Amino acid sequence: MNPEVRTLRAQDVAWLADLHNAAFADYPVPAVLDASSLGFYLTETDVDPALSRVAFVDGAPASFCLGALRGDRASIRGEGTAPGFRRSGLGRLVLEQTLEALAAAGARTVTLEVLNGNDAAVGLYRRSGFEQRRRLLGYRLARPGRGFRSRLSGGLAESDTDTAIDRLARWGWRDPPWQLETESLAHIPAQHLDGRAVLLGKRRGDHFWLYALAVDPERRRKGLATRALSLLPAAWVGVPALIPEEWWEAGALLRSLAAETEGHWQWEMRRSLASG
């Protein structure tokens, strides 16, 4: 096998979606995206095609690695190999070339997330210099009921996302993972409750996927977060596996509402790219 590695191009998104879906088809949590959804994800997480690499074998796309850059911080936003080409070194090849491109572009640190139980990927990343930094948890809960609604007045209103993100930053949005950084959240719809609580998320069917929730520090412990959740237009609230385990206040709130921790969580891993 003599693979060809090249830079990803913006117009590659159609066949990249097929390769992405094949690479993740046998994962415990399969990720199925069409070209449009994948394109939005690349934009949302600042993936730069020029800093990403794909390997071909006999002209067929076989392995990919997506690199993103924000200042001197980088992230691997996806890396996978089609099942028929695994254990051939392609994953390590595209990863190392992507890391080289990110370092040349000025990155000093790089992070990524990997699903728990994916020992092969963890081993690959550790061999490439990554260290497991923290666990990222996900939750699922029934939307709080009417009993919570009656304690406070007021309803949710649409919010300008930039305004909501500014409030998040001022109210203590500390050290989030890449997909919860304000640059990523800038693409998520926002709502507010009387300007004292903000949340960002997306409704999909009977679930509302919650990416961020914050309350004015001067109004905490007054039921605002619970009321905001009770007003969501869905029966269930899902929290993606992106919540750092050390965010104890978030975990405490969700557990108080009988949220269940999802069985699958992620490791956030990090390595330095700084020379010397």
Protein backbone atom coordinates (compact mmCIF):
# COMPACT_ATOMS: atom_id res chain seq x y z
CA MET A 1 0.00 0.00 0.00
CA ASN A 2 1.39 3.36 -1.05
CA PRO A 3 -0.94 6.05 0.34
CA GLU A 4 -1.14 9.59 -0.98
CA VAL A 5 -1.70 12.30 1.64
CA ARG A 6 -2.89 15.74 0.64
CA THR A 7 -4.52 18.84 2.06
CA LEU A 8 -8.28 18.82 2.38
CA ARG A 9 -10.19 21.19 0.09
CA ALA A 10 -13.44 23.01 0.79
CA GLN A 11 -15.17 21.23 -2.09
CA ASP A 12 -14.29 17.82 -0.62
CA VAL A 13 -17.14 17.98 1.90
CA ALA A 14 -19.49 15.69 -0.08
CA TRP A 15 -17.22 12.65 -0.19
CA LEU A 16 -15.73 13.55 3.21
CA ALA A 17 -19.19 13.02 4.74
CA ASP A 18 -19.24 9.50 3.29
CA LEU A 19 -15.75 8.76 4.64
CA HIS A 20 -16.67 10.23 8.03
CA ASN A 21 -19.80 8.07 8.29
CA ALA A 22 -17.90 4.93 7.27
CA ALA A 23 -15.16 5.63 9.81
CA PHE A 24 -17.65 6.03 12.67
CA ALA A 25 -20.26 3.48 11.60
CA ASP A 26 -19.15 0.82 14.10
CA TYR A 27 -18.63 3.18 17.05
CA PRO A 28 -20.82 2.82 20.16
CA VAL A 29 -22.31 6.23 19.26
CA PRO A 30 -22.34 6.33 15.43
CA ALA A 31 -22.03 9.82 13.95
CA VAL A 32 -24.00 10.12 10.72
CA LEU A 33 -23.78 13.44 8.89
CA ASP A 34 -24.80 14.54 5.44
CA ALA A 35 -22.68 17.01 3.51
CA SER A 36 -24.69 19.99 4.73
CA SER A 37 -24.45 18.99 8.41
CA LEU A 38 -20.76 18.25 8.13
CA GLY A 39 -20.15 21.57 6.41
CA PHE A 40 -21.91 23.39 9.26
CA TYR A 41 -19.85 21.47 11.82
CA LEU A 42 -16.61 22.44 10.06
CA THR A 43 -17.64 26.10 10.13
CA GLU A 44 -18.90 25.96 13.71
CA THR A 45 -15.66 24.50 15.05
CA ASP A 46 -13.27 26.53 12.83
CA VAL A 47 -11.88 23.58 10.90
CA ASP A 48 -9.38 24.88 8.33
CA PRO A 49 -9.10 22.64 5.23
CA ALA A 50 -5.55 23.93 4.70
CA LEU A 51 -4.61 22.56 8.13
CA SER A 52 -6.38 19.21 7.62
CA ARG A 53 -5.15 16.09 5.86
CA VAL A 54 -6.72 13.16 4.03
CA ALA A 55 -5.08 9.94 2.84
CA PHE A 56 -6.00 8.12 -0.37
CA VAL A 57 -5.27 4.52 -1.27
CA ASP A 58 -5.52 3.66 -4.96
CA GLY A 59 -7.46 6.88 -5.43
CA ALA A 60 -10.04 6.12 -2.74
CA PRO A 61 -10.37 8.33 0.38
CA ALA A 62 -9.26 6.16 3.31
CA SER A 63 -8.38 8.31 6.34
CA PHE A 64 -8.82 11.92 7.44
CA CYS A 65 -7.83 14.33 10.20
CA LEU A 66 -9.49 17.73 10.71
CA GLY A 67 -7.40 20.57 12.15
CA ALA A 68 -8.77 23.81 13.64
CA LEU A 69 -6.91 26.86 14.89
CA ARG A 70 -7.84 29.77 17.19
CA GLY A 71 -4.89 32.02 17.87
CA ASP A 72 -2.15 29.78 19.24
CA ARG A 73 -4.62 27.07 20.29
CA ALA A 74 -5.49 24.18 18.00
CA SER A 75 -7.86 21.25 18.05
CA ILE A 76 -8.33 18.00 16.16
CA ARG A 77 -12.02 18.13 15.32
CA GLY A 78 -12.31 14.66 13.85
CA GLU A 79 -10.01 11.83 12.87
CA GLY A 80 -10.99 8.49 11.42
CA THR A 81 -10.12 5.68 9.04
CA ALA A 82 -12.47 3.57 6.95
CA PRO A 83 -12.72 0.05 8.44
CA GLY A 84 -11.00 -1.64 5.51
CA PHE A 85 -7.87 0.48 5.93
CA ARG A 86 -7.41 0.31 9.70
CA ARG A 87 -4.24 -0.96 11.41
CA SER A 88 -2.19 0.16 8.44
CA GLY A 89 -0.70 3.33 9.95
CA LEU A 90 -2.93 5.71 8.01
CA GLY A 91 -4.48 7.24 11.14
CA ARG A 92 -1.08 8.03 12.60
CA LEU A 93 0.09 9.39 9.25
CA VAL A 94 -2.73 11.91 8.75
CA LEU A 95 -2.65 12.88 12.44
CA GLU A 96 1.08 13.65 12.43
CA GLN A 97 0.87 15.63 9.21
CA THR A 98 -2.08 17.63 10.57
CA LEU A 99 -0.15 18.35 13.79
CA GLU A 100 2.82 19.52 11.72
CA ALA A 101 0.57 21.87 9.74
CA LEU A 102 -0.98 23.28 12.93
CA ALA A 103 2.42 23.86 14.52
CA ALA A 104 3.68 25.60 11.37
CA ALA A 105 0.59 27.87 11.51
CA GLY A 106 1.50 28.98 15.04
CA ALA A 107 -0.31 26.54 17.32
CA ARG A 108 1.35 25.96 20.69
CA THR A 109 -1.20 23.53 22.18
CA VAL A 110 -3.69 21.12 20.65
CA THR A 111 -6.69 19.32 22.16
CA LEU A 112 -9.08 16.63 21.03
CA GLU A 113 -11.88 14.47 22.43
CA VAL A 114 -12.17 10.70 22.25
CA LEU A 115 -15.05 8.47 23.32
CA ASN A 116 -14.52 6.32 26.40
CA GLY A 117 -13.87 2.70 25.51
CA ASN A 118 -12.12 3.60 22.26
CA ASP A 119 -8.83 2.21 23.50
CA ALA A 120 -7.28 2.04 20.04
CA ALA A 121 -7.74 5.79 19.52
CA VAL A 122 -6.53 6.63 23.02
CA GLY A 123 -3.42 4.55 22.37
CA LEU A 124 -2.82 6.30 19.05
CA TYR A 125 -3.11 9.73 20.62
CA ARG A 126 -0.90 8.84 23.58
CA ARG A 127 1.80 7.56 21.21
CA SER A 128 1.55 10.94 19.47
CA GLY A 129 2.22 12.81 22.71
CA PHE A 130 -1.31 13.52 23.98
CA GLU A 131 -2.21 13.19 27.65
CA GLN A 132 -5.67 12.53 29.09
CA ARG A 133 -6.66 15.77 30.79
CA ARG A 134 -10.28 15.45 32.01
CA ARG A 135 -13.57 13.68 31.47
CA LEU A 136 -16.42 15.33 29.57
CA LEU A 137 -19.86 14.13 30.64
CA GLY A 138 -23.29 14.12 29.01
CA TYR A 139 -26.73 14.11 30.63
CA ARG A 140 -30.35 13.40 29.80
CA LEU A 141 -33.36 14.59 31.79
CA ALA A 142 -37.07 15.12 31.50
CA ARG A 143 -37.92 18.79 31.17
CA PRO A 144 -38.81 20.15 34.65
CA GLY A 145 -42.56 20.25 35.07
CA ARG A 146 -45.19 22.84 35.89
CA GLY A 147 -44.39 22.84 39.58
CA PHE A 148 -41.17 24.67 38.78
CA ARG A 149 -42.92 27.09 36.43
CA SER A 150 -45.24 28.42 39.09
CA ARG A 151 -42.50 29.66 41.39
CA LEU A 152 -41.31 32.48 39.14
CA SER A 153 -42.95 34.63 36.48
CA GLY A 154 -41.65 35.49 33.04
CA GLY A 155 -40.94 33.44 29.95
CA LEU A 156 -38.11 32.66 27.57
CA ALA A 157 -37.43 35.12 24.77
CA GLU A 158 -35.14 34.90 21.79
CA SER A 159 -31.77 36.53 22.34
CA ASP A 160 -29.10 37.87 20.07
CA THR A 161 -26.41 35.18 20.28
CA ASP A 162 -23.59 37.72 20.65
CA THR A 163 -25.38 39.26 23.65
CA ALA A 164 -25.92 35.84 25.21
CA ILE A 165 -22.27 34.90 24.72
CA ASP A 166 -21.14 38.18 26.27
CA ARG A 167 -23.22 37.35 29.34
CA LEU A 168 -21.79 33.83 29.45
CA ALA A 169 -18.26 35.23 29.47
CA ARG A 170 -19.07 37.82 32.16
CA TRP A 171 -20.89 35.30 34.33
CA GLY A 172 -18.05 32.78 34.51
CA TRP A 173 -17.80 30.51 31.45
CA ARG A 174 -14.38 29.17 32.46
CA ASP A 175 -12.10 26.84 30.48
CA PRO A 176 -14.71 25.13 28.29
CA PRO A 177 -13.80 22.41 25.78
CA TRP A 178 -13.49 23.46 22.13
CA GLN A 179 -17.12 22.89 21.17
CA LEU A 180 -18.33 24.98 24.12
CA GLU A 181 -15.93 27.86 23.56
CA THR A 182 -17.65 31.10 22.66
CA GLU A 183 -16.39 30.89 19.07
CA SER A 184 -18.29 27.62 18.63
CA LEU A 185 -21.37 28.82 20.49
CA ALA A 186 -21.62 31.83 18.17
CA HIS A 187 -23.46 29.53 15.76
CA ILE A 188 -26.03 28.26 18.30
CA PRO A 189 -29.49 29.89 18.80
CA ALA A 190 -29.86 31.69 22.14
CA GLN A 191 -32.69 32.55 24.53
CA HIS A 192 -32.88 34.52 27.74
CA LEU A 193 -35.07 34.74 30.83
CA ASP A 194 -35.57 38.37 31.89
CA GLY A 195 -31.94 39.08 30.98
CA ARG A 196 -30.88 37.17 34.11
CA ALA A 197 -30.40 33.72 32.60
CA VAL A 198 -29.25 32.71 29.13
CA LEU A 199 -29.22 29.38 27.37
CA LEU A 200 -28.03 28.20 23.98
CA GLY A 201 -29.19 25.07 22.24
CA LYS A 202 -31.10 23.40 19.44
CA ARG A 203 -34.40 21.53 19.33
CA ARG A 204 -34.43 18.20 17.51
CA GLY A 205 -37.68 16.31 17.70
CA ASP A 206 -38.73 15.81 21.31
CA HIS A 207 -35.23 16.73 22.59
CA PHE A 208 -33.70 20.11 23.24
CA TRP A 209 -29.92 19.83 23.01
CA LEU A 210 -28.51 22.23 25.59
CA TYR A 211 -25.00 23.57 24.97
CA ALA A 212 -24.81 26.38 27.52
CA LEU A 213 -26.79 27.72 30.47
CA ALA A 214 -25.73 30.55 32.78
CA VAL A 215 -27.34 32.76 35.42
CA ASP A 216 -26.34 36.22 36.61
CA PRO A 217 -24.22 35.60 39.75
CA GLU A 218 -26.38 38.09 41.68
CA ARG A 219 -29.52 36.04 40.93
CA ARG A 220 -28.28 32.51 41.50
CA ARG A 221 -30.02 29.98 43.77
CA LYS A 222 -33.39 31.57 43.04
CA GLY A 223 -34.65 28.93 40.61
CA LEU A 224 -33.88 30.81 37.38
CA ALA A 225 -31.93 27.98 35.76
CA THR A 226 -34.66 25.47 36.57
CA ARG A 227 -37.38 27.78 35.30
CA ALA A 228 -35.50 28.37 32.05
CA LEU A 229 -35.26 24.62 31.50
CA SER A 230 -38.94 24.14 32.36
CA LEU A 231 -39.91 26.53 29.56
CA LEU A 232 -38.05 24.72 26.79
CA PRO A 233 -40.24 23.50 23.89
CA ALA A 234 -39.37 19.80 24.22
CA ALA A 235 -40.16 16.89 26.51
CA TRP A 236 -36.53 15.96 27.09
CA VAL A 237 -33.32 17.90 27.58
CA GLY A 238 -30.10 16.39 26.27
CA VAL A 239 -26.69 17.72 27.26
CA PRO A 240 -23.93 16.55 24.88
CA ALA A 241 -20.92 14.80 26.41
CA LEU A 242 -18.95 18.04 26.60
CA ILE A 243 -19.43 19.09 30.25
CA PRO A 244 -16.13 18.99 32.19
CA GLU A 245 -16.45 16.78 35.23
CA GLU A 246 -14.98 19.54 37.41
CA TRP A 247 -17.88 21.88 36.57
CA TRP A 248 -19.49 20.73 39.80
CA GLU A 249 -22.20 23.42 39.86
CA ALA A 250 -23.52 22.27 36.48
CA GLY A 251 -23.47 18.65 37.58
CA ALA A 252 -25.18 19.48 40.88
CA LEU A 253 -27.99 21.38 39.11
CA LEU A 254 -28.62 18.57 36.66
CA ARG A 255 -28.57 15.88 39.34
CA SER A 256 -31.02 17.91 41.42
CA LEU A 257 -33.41 17.66 38.47
CA ALA A 258 -32.98 13.87 38.31
CA ALA A 259 -30.75 14.00 35.24
CA GLU A 260 -29.09 10.74 34.28
CA THR A 261 -25.45 10.68 33.28
CA GLU A 262 -25.07 9.26 29.78
CA GLY A 263 -23.23 5.94 29.61
CA HIS A 264 -20.82 7.28 27.00
CA TRP A 265 -18.49 10.11 27.93
CA GLN A 266 -15.35 11.57 26.36
CA TRP A 267 -11.74 12.09 27.32
CA GLU A 268 -10.36 15.51 26.55
CA MET A 269 -6.72 15.05 25.61
CA ARG A 270 -4.02 17.68 25.16
CA ARG A 271 -0.44 18.00 23.98
CA SER A 272 2.03 20.81 23.51
CA LEU A 273 3.26 21.81 20.08
CA ALA A 274 5.73 24.41 21.37
CA SER A 275 9.32 23.85 20.35
CA GLY A 276 12.20 24.06 22.77
